[in-house]
């Protein structure tokens, strides 16, 4: 029991440091870097969840904030993957269409429209991320995390 109480703060703050290590790059971060940040948030969340039973009641709010960031970054990654897949599919599809007689060729408009929606979503999530980060790493979050850990 005592070892858990000693290890929990160290492990949680190590995982938090892993998240914060991305901060200097956030304004110019690539999709790949933001995906790696999502993984860092995932590790932080799993660590806090592992120790949840021994942390204070503020742990619930901490987990909610971490999950919101993980979800934001996950949605961004999903939109990026959808854009890449649709772009490749449309390129291949277009090449196959050229082999068909004119009356059998299909209109790509629905796929192109869906690709545009995914591009817009990816852009929205990327441009909203700095504010989401600022909201996440607020004095309230820091206080809640400190209070949750102080219960040990």
Foldseek 3Di string as FASTA:
>chain_A
DVVCLVVLVVQLVVLVVVLCVCVVCLVPDDLVSLVVSLVSLVSNLVSLVVCVVQFDPLSVVLNVLSVVSNVLSVLLNVLVVLLVVLVVVVVVLVVVQVPDPPVPRDDCVVSVVVSVVSVVSNVVSSVCVVVSVPVSPDPVSVVSVVRRSVSD
